[in-house]
């Protein structure tokens, strides 16, 4: 199964942040290259559509960080709560409705100035969060369990 492209980009972003914190001279060429790569990873993550709930959670956290710096604090906290649920693999139907409502509020500027950048992030996250979840459950073959436990267990009869 392929990894979510947003998760891969965010892992690269976090690795670049870690490398930047280890550099003592922020004016060196290495630090400037890392800052350019951080900006590139952030720009790519903002336009990449997530394919999992974890990728959607990353985008919602980014949007919440944008909104928490403005006067739309309440919506930022709501996004953070939804992102926490999604990162734990839990999705509620109300979350999808709430995300659609927040997109309208944020893009129309109901609570202050319109934030199109945050609305675009939430819209991409909604696409990833709305994807169906596939759960694969495979039973253990009886032969392997017999080899592992040495006998028939009661549930195998």
N, C-alpha and C. Protein backbone atom coordinates (compact mmCIF):
# COMPACT_ATOMS: atom_id res chain seq x y z
N UNK A 1 0.84 -1.17 0.00
CA UNK A 1 0.00 0.00 0.00
C UNK A 1 0.89 1.24 0.00
N UNK A 2 0.60 2.18 -0.84
CA UNK A 2 1.42 3.38 -0.98
C UNK A 2 1.21 4.32 0.20
N UNK A 3 2.27 5.02 0.54
CA UNK A 3 2.20 5.99 1.62
C UNK A 3 1.56 7.28 1.12
N UNK A 4 0.88 7.95 2.00
CA UNK A 4 0.24 9.22 1.68
C UNK A 4 1.31 10.24 1.28
N UNK A 5 1.14 10.93 0.15
CA UNK A 5 2.17 11.90 -0.27
C UNK A 5 2.33 13.07 0.71
N UNK A 6 1.25 13.46 1.38
CA UNK A 6 1.36 14.55 2.36
C UNK A 6 2.19 14.10 3.56
N UNK A 7 2.02 12.85 3.99
CA UNK A 7 2.79 12.34 5.11
C UNK A 7 4.27 12.29 4.75
N UNK A 8 4.58 11.86 3.53
CA UNK A 8 5.98 11.83 3.09
C UNK A 8 6.58 13.23 3.07
N UNK A 9 5.82 14.20 2.54
CA UNK A 9 6.31 15.58 2.51
C UNK A 9 6.51 16.14 3.91
N UNK A 10 5.60 15.85 4.81
CA UNK A 10 5.73 16.36 6.17
C UNK A 10 6.91 15.70 6.89
N UNK A 11 7.17 14.43 6.63
CA UNK A 11 8.34 13.79 7.22
C UNK A 11 9.62 14.44 6.72
N UNK A 12 9.68 14.75 5.43
CA UNK A 12 10.83 15.46 4.88
C UNK A 12 10.95 16.86 5.48
N UNK A 13 9.83 17.51 5.69
CA UNK A 13 9.82 18.84 6.29
C UNK A 13 10.35 18.80 7.72
N UNK A 14 9.90 17.81 8.50
CA UNK A 14 10.37 17.69 9.87
C UNK A 14 11.86 17.36 9.92
N UNK A 15 12.33 16.53 8.98
CA UNK A 15 13.76 16.21 8.93
C UNK A 15 14.58 17.46 8.60
N UNK A 16 14.06 18.30 7.70
CA UNK A 16 14.76 19.55 7.36
C UNK A 16 14.77 20.51 8.56
N UNK A 17 13.66 20.58 9.31
CA UNK A 17 13.63 21.40 10.51
C UNK A 17 14.65 20.91 11.53
N UNK A 18 14.73 19.60 11.72
CA UNK A 18 15.70 19.05 12.66
C UNK A 18 17.13 19.38 12.24
N UNK A 19 17.42 19.24 10.95
CA UNK A 19 18.75 19.55 10.45
C UNK A 19 19.06 21.04 10.64
N UNK A 20 18.04 21.88 10.48
CA UNK A 20 18.25 23.32 10.63
C UNK A 20 18.53 23.68 12.09
N UNK A 21 17.91 22.99 13.02
CA UNK A 21 18.15 23.30 14.43
C UNK A 21 19.56 22.90 14.87
N UNK A 22 20.17 21.94 14.17
CA UNK A 22 21.53 21.53 14.53
C UNK A 22 22.60 22.45 13.97
N UNK A 23 22.23 23.30 13.03
CA UNK A 23 23.20 24.22 12.43
C UNK A 23 23.33 25.45 13.32
N UNK A 24 24.56 25.77 13.68
CA UNK A 24 24.78 26.91 14.58
C UNK A 24 24.79 28.24 13.84
N UNK A 25 25.38 28.27 12.65
CA UNK A 25 25.47 29.51 11.89
C UNK A 25 24.31 29.56 10.90
N UNK A 26 23.31 30.40 11.17
CA UNK A 26 22.12 30.48 10.33
C UNK A 26 22.37 31.21 9.01
N UNK A 27 23.55 31.80 8.86
CA UNK A 27 23.85 32.52 7.63
C UNK A 27 24.70 31.69 6.67
N UNK A 28 24.96 30.45 7.01
CA UNK A 28 25.77 29.61 6.14
C UNK A 28 24.96 29.15 4.93
N UNK A 29 25.68 28.69 3.93
CA UNK A 29 25.00 28.21 2.71
C UNK A 29 24.14 26.99 3.00
N UNK A 30 24.59 26.14 3.90
CA UNK A 30 23.83 24.94 4.25
C UNK A 30 22.49 25.32 4.89
N UNK A 31 22.51 26.32 5.77
CA UNK A 31 21.27 26.77 6.43
C UNK A 31 20.32 27.39 5.41
N UNK A 32 20.86 28.16 4.49
CA UNK A 32 20.01 28.78 3.47
C UNK A 32 19.39 27.73 2.56
N UNK A 33 20.16 26.70 2.21
CA UNK A 33 19.61 25.61 1.41
C UNK A 33 18.50 24.88 2.15
N UNK A 34 18.68 24.66 3.45
CA UNK A 34 17.63 24.00 4.25
C UNK A 34 16.38 24.87 4.33
N UNK A 35 16.56 26.17 4.47
CA UNK A 35 15.39 27.06 4.52
C UNK A 35 14.63 27.06 3.19
N UNK A 36 15.36 26.99 2.09
CA UNK A 36 14.70 26.90 0.78
C UNK A 36 13.94 25.58 0.65
N UNK A 37 14.55 24.49 1.12
CA UNK A 37 13.86 23.20 1.02
C UNK A 37 12.64 23.16 1.93
N UNK A 38 12.72 23.80 3.09
CA UNK A 38 11.56 23.88 3.99
C UNK A 38 10.42 24.63 3.32
N UNK A 39 10.74 25.74 2.67
CA UNK A 39 9.71 26.51 1.97
C UNK A 39 9.11 25.70 0.83
N UNK A 40 9.95 24.94 0.13
CA UNK A 40 9.46 24.10 -0.97
C UNK A 40 8.55 23.00 -0.45
N UNK A 41 8.97 22.33 0.63
CA UNK A 41 8.15 21.25 1.19
C UNK A 41 6.81 21.78 1.69
N UNK A 42 6.80 22.96 2.31
CA UNK A 42 5.55 23.53 2.79
C UNK A 42 4.63 23.88 1.61
N UNK A 43 5.20 24.46 0.57
CA UNK A 43 4.37 24.81 -0.60
C UNK A 43 3.81 23.56 -1.26
N UNK A 44 4.61 22.51 -1.37
CA UNK A 44 4.12 21.26 -1.98
C UNK A 44 3.05 20.60 -1.10
N UNK A 45 3.25 20.63 0.21
CA UNK A 45 2.27 20.01 1.12
C UNK A 45 0.93 20.73 1.06
N UNK A 46 0.96 22.03 0.80
CA UNK A 46 -0.29 22.81 0.77
C UNK A 46 -1.11 22.54 -0.48
N UNK A 47 -0.49 22.05 -1.55
CA UNK A 47 -1.25 21.80 -2.78
C UNK A 47 -1.43 20.31 -3.06
N UNK A 48 -0.82 19.45 -2.26
CA UNK A 48 -0.93 18.01 -2.47
C UNK A 48 -2.18 17.49 -1.78
N UNK A 49 -2.91 16.65 -2.48
CA UNK A 49 -4.14 16.08 -1.91
C UNK A 49 -3.79 14.84 -1.10
N UNK A 50 -4.21 14.78 0.17
CA UNK A 50 -3.91 13.61 0.99
C UNK A 50 -4.73 12.40 0.58
N UNK A 51 -4.18 11.23 0.82
CA UNK A 51 -4.90 10.00 0.50
C UNK A 51 -5.24 9.21 1.76
N UNK A 52 -5.01 9.78 2.92
CA UNK A 52 -5.34 9.09 4.17
C UNK A 52 -5.78 10.11 5.21
N UNK A 53 -6.31 9.58 6.31
CA UNK A 53 -6.75 10.46 7.39
C UNK A 53 -5.55 11.10 8.08
N UNK A 54 -4.41 10.40 8.09
CA UNK A 54 -3.21 10.97 8.71
C UNK A 54 -2.71 12.19 7.93
N UNK A 55 -2.72 12.09 6.60
CA UNK A 55 -2.35 13.24 5.78
C UNK A 55 -3.31 14.39 5.96
N UNK A 56 -4.59 14.08 6.07
CA UNK A 56 -5.59 15.13 6.31
C UNK A 56 -5.36 15.80 7.66
N UNK A 57 -4.96 15.01 8.67
CA UNK A 57 -4.69 15.57 9.99
C UNK A 57 -3.52 16.54 9.94
N UNK A 58 -2.48 16.21 9.17
CA UNK A 58 -1.34 17.13 9.02
C UNK A 58 -1.80 18.46 8.42
N UNK A 59 -2.61 18.39 7.37
CA UNK A 59 -3.08 19.63 6.73
C UNK A 59 -3.98 20.44 7.65
N UNK A 60 -4.81 19.76 8.42
CA UNK A 60 -5.68 20.48 9.36
C UNK A 60 -4.87 21.16 10.45
N UNK A 61 -3.79 20.53 10.89
CA UNK A 61 -2.93 21.18 11.89
C UNK A 61 -2.25 22.42 11.31
N UNK A 62 -1.85 22.33 10.03
CA UNK A 62 -1.26 23.51 9.38
C UNK A 62 -2.29 24.64 9.27
N UNK A 63 -3.51 24.30 8.89
CA UNK A 63 -4.57 25.31 8.79
C UNK A 63 -4.90 25.88 10.16
N UNK A 64 -4.92 25.03 11.19
CA UNK A 64 -5.19 25.52 12.55
C UNK A 64 -4.10 26.49 13.00
N UNK A 65 -2.86 26.20 12.64
CA UNK A 65 -1.77 27.12 13.00
C UNK A 65 -1.94 28.47 12.31
N UNK A 66 -2.40 28.45 11.06
CA UNK A 66 -2.66 29.71 10.36
C UNK A 66 -3.79 30.49 11.02
N UNK A 67 -4.84 29.78 11.43
CA UNK A 67 -6.00 30.46 12.00
C UNK A 67 -5.77 30.91 13.44
N UNK A 68 -4.92 30.19 14.17
CA UNK A 68 -4.67 30.56 15.55
C UNK A 68 -3.87 31.86 15.65
N UNK A 69 -3.20 32.23 14.57
CA UNK A 69 -2.45 33.49 14.56
C UNK A 69 -3.34 34.68 14.24
N UNK A 70 -4.59 34.43 13.91
CA UNK A 70 -5.51 35.51 13.56
C UNK A 70 -6.64 35.56 14.59
N UNK A 71 -7.71 36.23 14.24
CA UNK A 71 -8.84 36.37 15.15
C UNK A 71 -9.83 35.21 15.06
N UNK A 72 -9.49 34.19 14.30
CA UNK A 72 -10.39 33.06 14.12
C UNK A 72 -9.94 31.92 15.04
N UNK A 73 -9.65 32.25 16.28
CA UNK A 73 -9.09 31.31 17.24
C UNK A 73 -10.00 30.11 17.47
N UNK A 74 -11.30 30.35 17.58
CA UNK A 74 -12.24 29.27 17.87
C UNK A 74 -12.22 28.20 16.79
N UNK A 75 -12.18 28.60 15.53
CA UNK A 75 -12.16 27.64 14.44
C UNK A 75 -10.82 26.88 14.39
N UNK A 76 -9.75 27.54 14.78
CA UNK A 76 -8.46 26.87 14.85
C UNK A 76 -8.47 25.75 15.88
N UNK A 77 -9.11 25.99 17.02
CA UNK A 77 -9.22 24.95 18.04
C UNK A 77 -10.10 23.80 17.56
N UNK A 78 -11.17 24.12 16.85
CA UNK A 78 -12.04 23.06 16.30
C UNK A 78 -11.26 22.21 15.31
N UNK A 79 -10.45 22.86 14.46
CA UNK A 79 -9.63 22.11 13.50
C UNK A 79 -8.63 21.22 14.21
N UNK A 80 -8.04 21.73 15.28
CA UNK A 80 -7.07 20.94 16.03
C UNK A 80 -7.73 19.70 16.64
N UNK A 81 -8.94 19.85 17.17
CA UNK A 81 -9.65 18.69 17.73
C UNK A 81 -9.94 17.64 16.66
N UNK A 82 -10.39 18.09 15.50
CA UNK A 82 -10.68 17.15 14.40
C UNK A 82 -9.40 16.48 13.94
N UNK A 83 -8.31 17.24 13.85
CA UNK A 83 -7.02 16.66 13.43
C UNK A 83 -6.55 15.60 14.41
N UNK A 84 -6.76 15.84 15.70
CA UNK A 84 -6.36 14.83 16.70
C UNK A 84 -7.16 13.54 16.54
N UNK A 85 -8.46 13.68 16.28
CA UNK A 85 -9.28 12.48 16.06
C UNK A 85 -8.82 11.74 14.81
N UNK A 86 -8.58 12.47 13.72
CA UNK A 86 -8.17 11.83 12.47
C UNK A 86 -6.82 11.13 12.61
N UNK A 87 -5.90 11.74 13.34
CA UNK A 87 -4.59 11.12 13.49
C UNK A 87 -4.66 9.84 14.32
N UNK A 88 -5.71 9.69 15.12
CA UNK A 88 -5.92 8.46 15.88
C UNK A 88 -6.78 7.45 15.12
N UNK A 89 -7.10 7.77 13.88
CA UNK A 89 -7.87 6.85 13.05
C UNK A 89 -9.36 6.90 13.28
N UNK A 90 -9.84 7.93 13.95
CA UNK A 90 -11.27 8.07 14.23
C UNK A 90 -11.84 9.20 13.39
N UNK A 91 -12.94 8.89 12.73
CA UNK A 91 -13.59 9.92 11.92
C UNK A 91 -15.08 9.85 12.21
N UNK A 92 -15.65 11.00 12.44
CA UNK A 92 -17.08 11.09 12.68
C UNK A 92 -17.73 11.81 11.51
N UNK A 93 -18.98 11.50 11.26
CA UNK A 93 -19.68 12.16 10.17
C UNK A 93 -19.79 13.66 10.41
N UNK A 94 -19.96 14.04 11.66
CA UNK A 94 -20.04 15.45 12.00
C UNK A 94 -18.77 16.22 11.69
N UNK A 95 -17.63 15.52 11.70
CA UNK A 95 -16.36 16.18 11.36
C UNK A 95 -16.37 16.69 9.93
N UNK A 96 -16.90 15.89 9.02
CA UNK A 96 -16.93 16.30 7.62
C UNK A 96 -17.85 17.51 7.43
N UNK A 97 -18.99 17.50 8.12
CA UNK A 97 -19.91 18.64 8.05
C UNK A 97 -19.28 19.89 8.65
N UNK A 98 -18.59 19.70 9.77
CA UNK A 98 -17.96 20.83 10.44
C UNK A 98 -16.84 21.42 9.57
N UNK A 99 -16.09 20.57 8.88
CA UNK A 99 -15.03 21.07 8.01
C UNK A 99 -15.61 21.89 6.85
N UNK A 100 -16.72 21.42 6.30
CA UNK A 100 -17.37 22.19 5.21
C UNK A 100 -17.85 23.55 5.72
N UNK A 101 -18.39 23.58 6.93
CA UNK A 101 -18.86 24.84 7.49
C UNK A 101 -17.69 25.79 7.77
N UNK A 102 -16.58 25.24 8.26
CA UNK A 102 -15.41 26.08 8.54
C UNK A 102 -14.83 26.65 7.25
N UNK A 103 -14.86 25.87 6.18
CA UNK A 103 -14.38 26.37 4.89
C UNK A 103 -15.18 27.60 4.48
N UNK A 104 -16.50 27.53 4.61
CA UNK A 104 -17.34 28.68 4.25
C UNK A 104 -17.05 29.89 5.13
N UNK A 105 -16.92 29.66 6.42
CA UNK A 105 -16.69 30.77 7.36
C UNK A 105 -15.34 31.42 7.09
N UNK A 106 -14.32 30.61 6.90
CA UNK A 106 -12.96 31.14 6.73
C UNK A 106 -12.79 31.82 5.38
N UNK A 107 -13.34 31.23 4.32
CA UNK A 107 -13.14 31.82 2.99
C UNK A 107 -13.97 33.08 2.77
N UNK A 108 -15.11 33.19 3.44
CA UNK A 108 -15.95 34.39 3.28
C UNK A 108 -15.59 35.50 4.25
N UNK A 109 -14.71 35.21 5.20
CA UNK A 109 -14.29 36.25 6.13
C UNK A 109 -15.34 36.63 7.13
N UNK A 110 -16.17 35.68 7.55
CA UNK A 110 -17.24 35.97 8.50
C UNK A 110 -16.66 36.42 9.85
N UNK A 111 -15.55 35.81 10.26
CA UNK A 111 -14.95 36.13 11.56
C UNK A 111 -13.73 37.04 11.43
N UNK A 112 -13.66 37.82 10.41
CA UNK A 112 -12.50 38.70 10.20
C UNK A 112 -12.13 38.70 8.73
N UNK A 113 -10.86 38.82 8.47
CA UNK A 113 -10.39 38.85 7.09
C UNK A 113 -10.45 37.46 6.48
N UNK A 114 -10.78 37.35 5.21
CA UNK A 114 -10.81 36.04 4.56
C UNK A 114 -9.42 35.41 4.52
N UNK A 115 -9.35 34.14 4.80
CA UNK A 115 -8.08 33.41 4.76
C UNK A 115 -8.20 32.32 3.71
N UNK A 116 -7.93 32.67 2.47
CA UNK A 116 -8.04 31.71 1.37
C UNK A 116 -7.01 30.60 1.49
N UNK A 117 -5.82 30.91 2.05
CA UNK A 117 -4.80 29.88 2.19
C UNK A 117 -5.24 28.79 3.16
N UNK A 118 -5.84 29.19 4.28
CA UNK A 118 -6.34 28.21 5.24
C UNK A 118 -7.53 27.45 4.68
N UNK A 119 -8.39 28.14 3.93
CA UNK A 119 -9.56 27.47 3.34
C UNK A 119 -9.11 26.42 2.33
N UNK A 120 -8.06 26.70 1.56
CA UNK A 120 -7.56 25.72 0.59
C UNK A 120 -6.97 24.51 1.30
N UNK A 121 -6.28 24.73 2.41
CA UNK A 121 -5.74 23.60 3.18
C UNK A 121 -6.85 22.73 3.74
N UNK A 122 -7.88 23.36 4.28
CA UNK A 122 -9.00 22.62 4.86
C UNK A 122 -9.74 21.84 3.76
N UNK A 123 -9.87 22.45 2.60
CA UNK A 123 -10.55 21.78 1.48
C UNK A 123 -9.77 20.53 1.04
N UNK A 124 -8.44 20.65 0.95
CA UNK A 124 -7.63 19.47 0.61
C UNK A 124 -7.72 18.41 1.70
N UNK A 125 -7.70 18.84 2.96
CA UNK A 125 -7.81 17.89 4.06
C UNK A 125 -9.16 17.18 4.05
N UNK A 126 -10.21 17.91 3.68
CA UNK A 126 -11.54 17.31 3.60
C UNK A 126 -11.58 16.19 2.57
N UNK A 127 -10.87 16.37 1.46
CA UNK A 127 -10.82 15.32 0.44
C UNK A 127 -10.16 14.06 0.98
N UNK A 128 -9.11 14.23 1.77
CA UNK A 128 -8.44 13.07 2.35
C UNK A 128 -9.24 12.43 3.47
N UNK A 129 -9.91 13.25 4.27
CA UNK A 129 -10.69 12.71 5.38
C UNK A 129 -11.96 12.03 4.92
N UNK A 130 -12.48 12.41 3.76
CA UNK A 130 -13.73 11.84 3.26
C UNK A 130 -13.53 10.52 2.52
N UNK A 131 -12.30 10.15 2.29
CA UNK A 131 -12.05 8.87 1.59
C UNK A 131 -12.53 7.71 2.44
N UNK A 132 -13.05 6.67 1.79
CA UNK A 132 -13.50 5.51 2.56
C UNK A 132 -12.32 4.79 3.19
N UNK A 133 -12.56 4.24 4.35
CA UNK A 133 -11.53 3.51 5.08
C UNK A 133 -11.69 2.02 4.77
N UNK A 134 -10.62 1.38 4.36
CA UNK A 134 -10.64 -0.04 4.05
C UNK A 134 -9.94 -0.77 5.19
N UNK A 135 -10.66 -1.69 5.81
CA UNK A 135 -10.10 -2.49 6.89
C UNK A 135 -9.95 -3.91 6.39
N UNK A 136 -8.73 -4.40 6.44
CA UNK A 136 -8.46 -5.76 5.98
C UNK A 136 -8.21 -6.62 7.20
N UNK A 137 -9.00 -7.66 7.36
CA UNK A 137 -8.86 -8.57 8.48
C UNK A 137 -8.61 -9.96 7.93
N UNK A 138 -7.44 -10.49 8.15
CA UNK A 138 -7.12 -11.82 7.65
C UNK A 138 -7.00 -12.78 8.82
N UNK A 139 -7.69 -13.90 8.76
CA UNK A 139 -7.58 -14.88 9.83
C UNK A 139 -6.24 -15.61 9.76
N UNK A 140 -5.82 -16.08 10.91
CA UNK A 140 -4.58 -16.85 10.94
C UNK A 140 -4.83 -18.26 10.42
N UNK A 141 -3.99 -18.75 9.54
CA UNK A 141 -4.17 -20.13 9.08
C UNK A 141 -3.99 -21.11 10.25
N UNK A 142 -4.80 -22.16 10.26
CA UNK A 142 -4.76 -23.11 11.38
C UNK A 142 -3.40 -23.77 11.52
N UNK A 143 -2.78 -24.06 10.42
CA UNK A 143 -1.49 -24.74 10.49
C UNK A 143 -0.44 -23.92 11.21
N UNK A 144 -0.40 -22.64 10.97
CA UNK A 144 0.58 -21.79 11.64
C UNK A 144 0.31 -21.68 13.13
N UNK A 145 -0.98 -21.62 13.51
CA UNK A 145 -1.30 -21.56 14.94
C UNK A 145 -0.94 -22.87 15.62
N UNK A 146 -1.19 -24.00 14.96
CA UNK A 146 -0.82 -25.29 15.57
C UNK A 146 0.68 -25.37 15.77
N UNK A 147 1.44 -24.87 14.79
CA UNK A 147 2.89 -24.89 14.93
C UNK A 147 3.33 -23.96 16.05
N UNK A 148 2.68 -22.85 16.19
CA UNK A 148 3.09 -21.87 17.19
C UNK A 148 2.75 -22.33 18.60
N UNK A 149 1.54 -22.94 18.79
CA UNK A 149 1.10 -23.32 20.13
C UNK A 149 1.27 -24.80 20.41
N UNK A 150 1.49 -25.59 19.41
CA UNK A 150 1.73 -27.01 19.62
C UNK A 150 0.49 -27.86 19.76
N UNK A 151 -0.66 -27.29 20.00
CA UNK A 151 -1.90 -28.05 20.17
C UNK A 151 -3.04 -27.29 19.53
N UNK A 152 -4.17 -27.97 19.45
CA UNK A 152 -5.39 -27.31 19.04
C UNK A 152 -5.90 -26.45 20.18
N UNK A 153 -6.18 -25.21 19.91
CA UNK A 153 -6.79 -24.37 20.92
C UNK A 153 -8.31 -24.48 20.78
N UNK A 154 -9.08 -24.21 21.84
CA UNK A 154 -10.53 -24.39 21.77
C UNK A 154 -11.21 -23.61 20.66
N UNK A 155 -10.71 -22.45 20.31
CA UNK A 155 -11.38 -21.65 19.29
C UNK A 155 -11.13 -22.19 17.88
N UNK A 156 -10.24 -23.17 17.73
CA UNK A 156 -9.92 -23.70 16.40
C UNK A 156 -10.73 -24.94 16.05
N UNK A 157 -11.54 -25.43 16.99
CA UNK A 157 -12.30 -26.67 16.74
C UNK A 157 -13.54 -26.42 15.97
